[in-house]
Amino acid sequence: MDFDEYQKETAKTAIYPKEREDEYLALGLASEAGEYAGRVKKTIRDKGGIIGESEREARKYELGDVMWYIARSADQLGYSLEEIAVANIEKLRERQRKGTINGSGDNR
């Protein structure tokens, strides 16, 4: 499955109030990213940073949830995931070319 196929499939499971779509998707994305971060924190605390197979699998599902919210957010804005990915790589290549990839701020 490619990104654009995936994005279309996410529409089939998008059940939320459309009048609050922007907020719902942003909060969902932050929540799922937080769940992933929480798993990383607990791996550090409880397992000395060693990622076992069950933890690896659990993180895969958390990343899938993050990806779902990214796909829905992109769709809401009228972008395909491919457009988002290409724009990001172009931005990073430009920062690398200018020697600002390690800097801070949006406009480097």
N, C-alpha and C. Protein backbone atom coordinates (compact mmCIF):
# COMPACT_ATOMS: atom_id res chain seq x y z
N MET A 1 0.84 -1.18 0.00
CA MET A 1 0.00 0.00 0.00
C MET A 1 0.89 1.24 0.00
N ASP A 2 0.58 2.21 -0.85
CA ASP A 2 1.35 3.45 -0.85
C ASP A 2 0.66 4.49 0.04
N PHE A 3 1.32 5.61 0.25
CA PHE A 3 0.79 6.65 1.14
C PHE A 3 -0.58 7.15 0.71
N ASP A 4 -0.76 7.38 -0.57
CA ASP A 4 -2.03 7.93 -1.03
C ASP A 4 -3.17 6.94 -0.87
N GLU A 5 -2.89 5.67 -1.08
CA GLU A 5 -3.89 4.63 -0.83
C GLU A 5 -4.25 4.61 0.65
N TYR A 6 -3.23 4.66 1.48
CA TYR A 6 -3.44 4.66 2.92
C TYR A 6 -4.32 5.84 3.33
N GLN A 7 -4.02 7.01 2.79
CA GLN A 7 -4.77 8.21 3.13
C GLN A 7 -6.25 8.03 2.76
N LYS A 8 -6.53 7.47 1.60
CA LYS A 8 -7.92 7.22 1.20
C LYS A 8 -8.60 6.24 2.15
N GLU A 9 -7.86 5.22 2.56
CA GLU A 9 -8.43 4.23 3.49
C GLU A 9 -8.78 4.84 4.84
N THR A 10 -7.99 5.82 5.30
CA THR A 10 -8.27 6.42 6.61
C THR A 10 -9.61 7.14 6.62
N ALA A 11 -10.06 7.61 5.47
CA ALA A 11 -11.35 8.30 5.41
C ALA A 11 -12.49 7.37 5.83
N LYS A 12 -12.31 6.08 5.61
CA LYS A 12 -13.37 5.10 5.94
C LYS A 12 -13.55 4.93 7.44
N THR A 13 -12.55 5.31 8.22
CA THR A 13 -12.64 5.17 9.68
C THR A 13 -12.62 6.52 10.38
N ALA A 14 -12.86 7.59 9.63
CA ALA A 14 -12.85 8.95 10.18
C ALA A 14 -14.23 9.29 10.74
N ILE A 15 -14.40 9.00 12.02
CA ILE A 15 -15.68 9.25 12.68
C ILE A 15 -15.46 10.29 13.78
N TYR A 16 -15.77 11.52 13.45
CA TYR A 16 -15.62 12.61 14.41
C TYR A 16 -16.47 13.77 13.91
N PRO A 17 -16.74 14.75 14.78
CA PRO A 17 -17.58 15.88 14.37
C PRO A 17 -16.86 16.77 13.35
N LYS A 18 -17.37 16.83 12.15
CA LYS A 18 -16.72 17.58 11.06
C LYS A 18 -16.61 19.08 11.39
N GLU A 19 -17.55 19.60 12.17
CA GLU A 19 -17.50 21.03 12.50
C GLU A 19 -16.36 21.35 13.46
N ARG A 20 -15.76 20.33 14.07
CA ARG A 20 -14.62 20.53 14.97
C ARG A 20 -13.41 19.74 14.48
N GLU A 21 -13.38 19.47 13.19
CA GLU A 21 -12.36 18.61 12.59
C GLU A 21 -10.94 19.07 12.89
N ASP A 22 -10.67 20.35 12.72
CA ASP A 22 -9.31 20.87 12.91
C ASP A 22 -8.83 20.60 14.33
N GLU A 23 -9.64 20.95 15.30
CA GLU A 23 -9.27 20.73 16.70
C GLU A 23 -9.15 19.25 17.02
N TYR A 24 -10.12 18.48 16.56
CA TYR A 24 -10.13 17.05 16.85
C TYR A 24 -8.86 16.37 16.34
N LEU A 25 -8.49 16.68 15.11
CA LEU A 25 -7.31 16.05 14.51
C LEU A 25 -6.02 16.50 15.20
N ALA A 26 -5.91 17.79 15.50
CA ALA A 26 -4.70 18.28 16.17
C ALA A 26 -4.56 17.67 17.56
N LEU A 27 -5.65 17.60 18.30
CA LEU A 27 -5.59 17.02 19.64
C LEU A 27 -5.33 15.51 19.57
N GLY A 28 -5.91 14.84 18.60
CA GLY A 28 -5.66 13.41 18.43
C GLY A 28 -4.21 13.13 18.10
N LEU A 29 -3.65 13.95 17.21
CA LEU A 29 -2.24 13.78 16.84
C LEU A 29 -1.33 13.98 18.05
N ALA A 30 -1.59 15.03 18.81
CA ALA A 30 -0.78 15.28 20.01
C ALA A 30 -0.93 14.15 21.02
N SER A 31 -2.13 13.65 21.17
CA SER A 31 -2.40 12.57 22.12
C SER A 31 -1.66 11.29 21.72
N GLU A 32 -1.75 10.92 20.46
CA GLU A 32 -1.09 9.70 20.01
C GLU A 32 0.44 9.83 20.05
N ALA A 33 0.95 11.00 19.69
CA ALA A 33 2.40 11.22 19.80
C ALA A 33 2.83 11.12 21.26
N GLY A 34 1.98 11.62 22.16
CA GLY A 34 2.25 11.51 23.59
C GLY A 34 2.26 10.06 24.07
N GLU A 35 1.36 9.26 23.54
CA GLU A 35 1.34 7.84 23.91
C GLU A 35 2.64 7.15 23.46
N TYR A 36 3.10 7.49 22.27
CA TYR A 36 4.36 6.93 21.78
C TYR A 36 5.51 7.37 22.69
N ALA A 37 5.55 8.66 23.01
CA ALA A 37 6.60 9.19 23.88
C ALA A 37 6.55 8.52 25.25
N GLY A 38 5.36 8.27 25.75
CA GLY A 38 5.22 7.60 27.04
C GLY A 38 5.81 6.20 27.02
N ARG A 39 5.63 5.50 25.93
CA ARG A 39 6.21 4.15 25.80
C ARG A 39 7.73 4.23 25.81
N VAL A 40 8.28 5.23 25.12
CA VAL A 40 9.74 5.41 25.10
C VAL A 40 10.23 5.69 26.52
N LYS A 41 9.56 6.58 27.22
CA LYS A 41 9.94 6.91 28.59
C LYS A 41 9.93 5.69 29.49
N LYS A 42 8.88 4.88 29.38
CA LYS A 42 8.78 3.68 30.22
C LYS A 42 9.84 2.65 29.86
N THR A 43 10.23 2.60 28.61
CA THR A 43 11.32 1.69 28.22
C THR A 43 12.62 2.12 28.88
N ILE A 44 12.86 3.41 28.93
CA ILE A 44 14.06 3.93 29.60
C ILE A 44 14.00 3.60 31.09
N ARG A 45 12.85 3.91 31.70
CA ARG A 45 12.71 3.73 33.14
C ARG A 45 12.71 2.26 33.56
N ASP A 46 11.96 1.44 32.85
CA ASP A 46 11.73 0.07 33.29
C ASP A 46 12.66 -0.97 32.67
N LYS A 47 13.23 -0.65 31.53
CA LYS A 47 14.01 -1.68 30.82
C LYS A 47 15.40 -1.19 30.43
N GLY A 48 15.85 -0.09 31.05
CA GLY A 48 17.17 0.43 30.76
C GLY A 48 17.36 0.82 29.30
N GLY A 49 16.26 1.17 28.64
CA GLY A 49 16.33 1.59 27.25
C GLY A 49 16.38 0.46 26.24
N ILE A 50 16.28 -0.78 26.70
CA ILE A 50 16.32 -1.94 25.81
C ILE A 50 14.92 -2.17 25.24
N ILE A 51 14.81 -2.15 23.92
CA ILE A 51 13.52 -2.34 23.26
C ILE A 51 13.36 -3.81 22.89
N GLY A 52 12.48 -4.50 23.61
CA GLY A 52 12.19 -5.90 23.31
C GLY A 52 11.21 -6.01 22.15
N GLU A 53 10.98 -7.23 21.71
CA GLU A 53 10.10 -7.45 20.56
C GLU A 53 8.66 -7.00 20.83
N SER A 54 8.13 -7.27 22.01
CA SER A 54 6.75 -6.85 22.30
C SER A 54 6.64 -5.33 22.34
N GLU A 55 7.66 -4.67 22.87
CA GLU A 55 7.66 -3.20 22.89
C GLU A 55 7.78 -2.64 21.47
N ARG A 56 8.63 -3.25 20.70
CA ARG A 56 8.80 -2.83 19.30
C ARG A 56 7.46 -2.92 18.56
N GLU A 57 6.75 -4.02 18.77
CA GLU A 57 5.44 -4.22 18.14
C GLU A 57 4.43 -3.19 18.64
N ALA A 58 4.42 -2.93 19.93
CA ALA A 58 3.49 -1.94 20.50
C ALA A 58 3.75 -0.55 19.92
N ARG A 59 5.02 -0.22 19.76
CA ARG A 59 5.36 1.09 19.19
C ARG A 59 4.93 1.19 17.73
N LYS A 60 4.99 0.09 17.02
CA LYS A 60 4.53 0.08 15.63
C LYS A 60 3.07 0.53 15.56
N TYR A 61 2.24 0.01 16.47
CA TYR A 61 0.83 0.38 16.48
C TYR A 61 0.62 1.82 16.90
N GLU A 62 1.41 2.30 17.85
CA GLU A 62 1.30 3.71 18.24
C GLU A 62 1.69 4.62 17.06
N LEU A 63 2.76 4.26 16.35
CA LEU A 63 3.15 5.05 15.18
C LEU A 63 2.06 5.02 14.11
N GLY A 64 1.37 3.89 13.99
CA GLY A 64 0.25 3.80 13.06
C GLY A 64 -0.86 4.78 13.43
N ASP A 65 -1.13 4.92 14.73
CA ASP A 65 -2.14 5.88 15.17
C ASP A 65 -1.71 7.31 14.85
N VAL A 66 -0.43 7.62 15.06
CA VAL A 66 0.09 8.94 14.70
C VAL A 66 -0.08 9.17 13.20
N MET A 67 0.25 8.15 12.43
CA MET A 67 0.15 8.25 10.97
C MET A 67 -1.29 8.49 10.52
N TRP A 68 -2.25 7.86 11.19
CA TRP A 68 -3.66 8.05 10.86
C TRP A 68 -4.04 9.53 11.01
N TYR A 69 -3.65 10.12 12.13
CA TYR A 69 -3.98 11.53 12.35
C TYR A 69 -3.26 12.44 11.37
N ILE A 70 -2.04 12.11 10.99
CA ILE A 70 -1.33 12.90 9.99
C ILE A 70 -2.06 12.80 8.65
N ALA A 71 -2.47 11.59 8.29
CA ALA A 71 -3.18 11.40 7.03
C ALA A 71 -4.49 12.18 6.99
N ARG A 72 -5.24 12.13 8.07
CA ARG A 72 -6.52 12.85 8.12
C ARG A 72 -6.28 14.37 8.10
N SER A 73 -5.26 14.83 8.82
CA SER A 73 -4.95 16.26 8.84
C SER A 73 -4.53 16.75 7.46
N ALA A 74 -3.70 15.98 6.79
CA ALA A 74 -3.29 16.33 5.43
C ALA A 74 -4.50 16.41 4.51
N ASP A 75 -5.38 15.42 4.62
CA ASP A 75 -6.59 15.39 3.79
C ASP A 75 -7.46 16.61 4.06
N GLN A 76 -7.60 16.96 5.31
CA GLN A 76 -8.42 18.11 5.70
C GLN A 76 -7.88 19.39 5.04
N LEU A 77 -6.56 19.49 4.93
CA LEU A 77 -5.93 20.67 4.33
C LEU A 77 -5.84 20.59 2.81
N GLY A 78 -6.24 19.46 2.25
CA GLY A 78 -6.22 19.30 0.80
C GLY A 78 -4.90 18.84 0.23
N TYR A 79 -4.08 18.22 1.06
CA TYR A 79 -2.78 17.71 0.62
C TYR A 79 -2.79 16.19 0.63
N SER A 80 -2.04 15.60 -0.28
CA SER A 80 -1.81 14.16 -0.21
C SER A 80 -0.59 13.93 0.69
N LEU A 81 -0.49 12.74 1.23
CA LEU A 81 0.68 12.41 2.04
C LEU A 81 1.95 12.49 1.20
N GLU A 82 1.84 12.15 -0.08
CA GLU A 82 3.01 12.27 -0.95
C GLU A 82 3.47 13.72 -1.05
N GLU A 83 2.52 14.65 -1.20
CA GLU A 83 2.88 16.07 -1.26
C GLU A 83 3.59 16.52 0.02
N ILE A 84 3.07 16.06 1.15
CA ILE A 84 3.67 16.42 2.45
C ILE A 84 5.09 15.86 2.53
N ALA A 85 5.26 14.60 2.14
CA ALA A 85 6.58 13.96 2.22
C ALA A 85 7.58 14.64 1.29
N VAL A 86 7.17 14.93 0.07
CA VAL A 86 8.06 15.58 -0.90
C VAL A 86 8.45 16.97 -0.40
N ALA A 87 7.48 17.74 0.09
CA ALA A 87 7.77 19.09 0.59
C ALA A 87 8.75 19.04 1.76
N ASN A 88 8.59 18.05 2.63
CA ASN A 88 9.47 17.93 3.78
C ASN A 88 10.90 17.61 3.34
N ILE A 89 11.05 16.68 2.43
CA ILE A 89 12.39 16.33 1.94
C ILE A 89 13.04 17.52 1.24
N GLU A 90 12.26 18.24 0.45
CA GLU A 90 12.80 19.43 -0.22
C GLU A 90 13.26 20.47 0.79
N LYS A 91 12.46 20.68 1.83
CA LYS A 91 12.83 21.64 2.89
C LYS A 91 14.12 21.22 3.57
N LEU A 92 14.23 19.93 3.91
CA LEU A 92 15.42 19.44 4.58
C LEU A 92 16.66 19.51 3.69
N ARG A 93 16.50 19.19 2.42
CA ARG A 93 17.63 19.30 1.49
C ARG A 93 18.10 20.74 1.36
N GLU A 94 17.16 21.68 1.32
CA GLU A 94 17.52 23.10 1.23
C GLU A 94 18.26 23.54 2.50
N ARG A 95 17.78 23.13 3.65
CA ARG A 95 18.47 23.46 4.90
C ARG A 95 19.87 22.85 4.93
N GLN A 96 19.98 21.64 4.44
CA GLN A 96 21.29 20.98 4.39
C GLN A 96 22.21 21.74 3.45
N ARG A 97 21.68 22.14 2.30
CA ARG A 97 22.47 22.88 1.31
C ARG A 97 22.98 24.19 1.90
N LYS A 98 22.13 24.88 2.68
CA LYS A 98 22.50 26.16 3.28
C LYS A 98 23.30 25.99 4.57
N GLY A 99 23.45 24.76 5.03
CA GLY A 99 24.18 24.51 6.28
C GLY A 99 23.40 24.91 7.51
N THR A 100 22.05 24.92 7.41
CA THR A 100 21.23 25.33 8.55
C THR A 100 20.38 24.19 9.09
N ILE A 101 20.70 22.97 8.73
CA ILE A 101 19.88 21.84 9.16
C ILE A 101 19.93 21.65 10.68
N ASN A 102 21.02 22.08 11.32
CA ASN A 102 21.16 21.96 12.77
C ASN A 102 20.68 23.19 13.54
N GLY A 103 20.22 24.20 12.81
CA GLY A 103 19.79 25.44 13.47
C GLY A 103 18.42 25.30 14.09
N SER A 104 17.87 26.41 14.55
CA SER A 104 16.53 26.40 15.13
C SER A 104 15.67 27.45 14.44
N GLY A 105 14.37 27.29 14.56
CA GLY A 105 13.44 28.22 13.93
C GLY A 105 12.90 27.64 12.62
N ASP A 106 11.77 28.17 12.20
CA ASP A 106 11.09 27.67 11.00
C ASP A 106 11.77 28.12 9.72
N ASN A 107 12.22 29.35 9.68
CA ASN A 107 12.75 29.92 8.44
C ASN A 107 14.27 29.98 8.48
N ARG A 108 14.91 28.82 8.27
CA ARG A 108 16.37 28.77 8.30
C ARG A 108 16.90 28.61 6.91
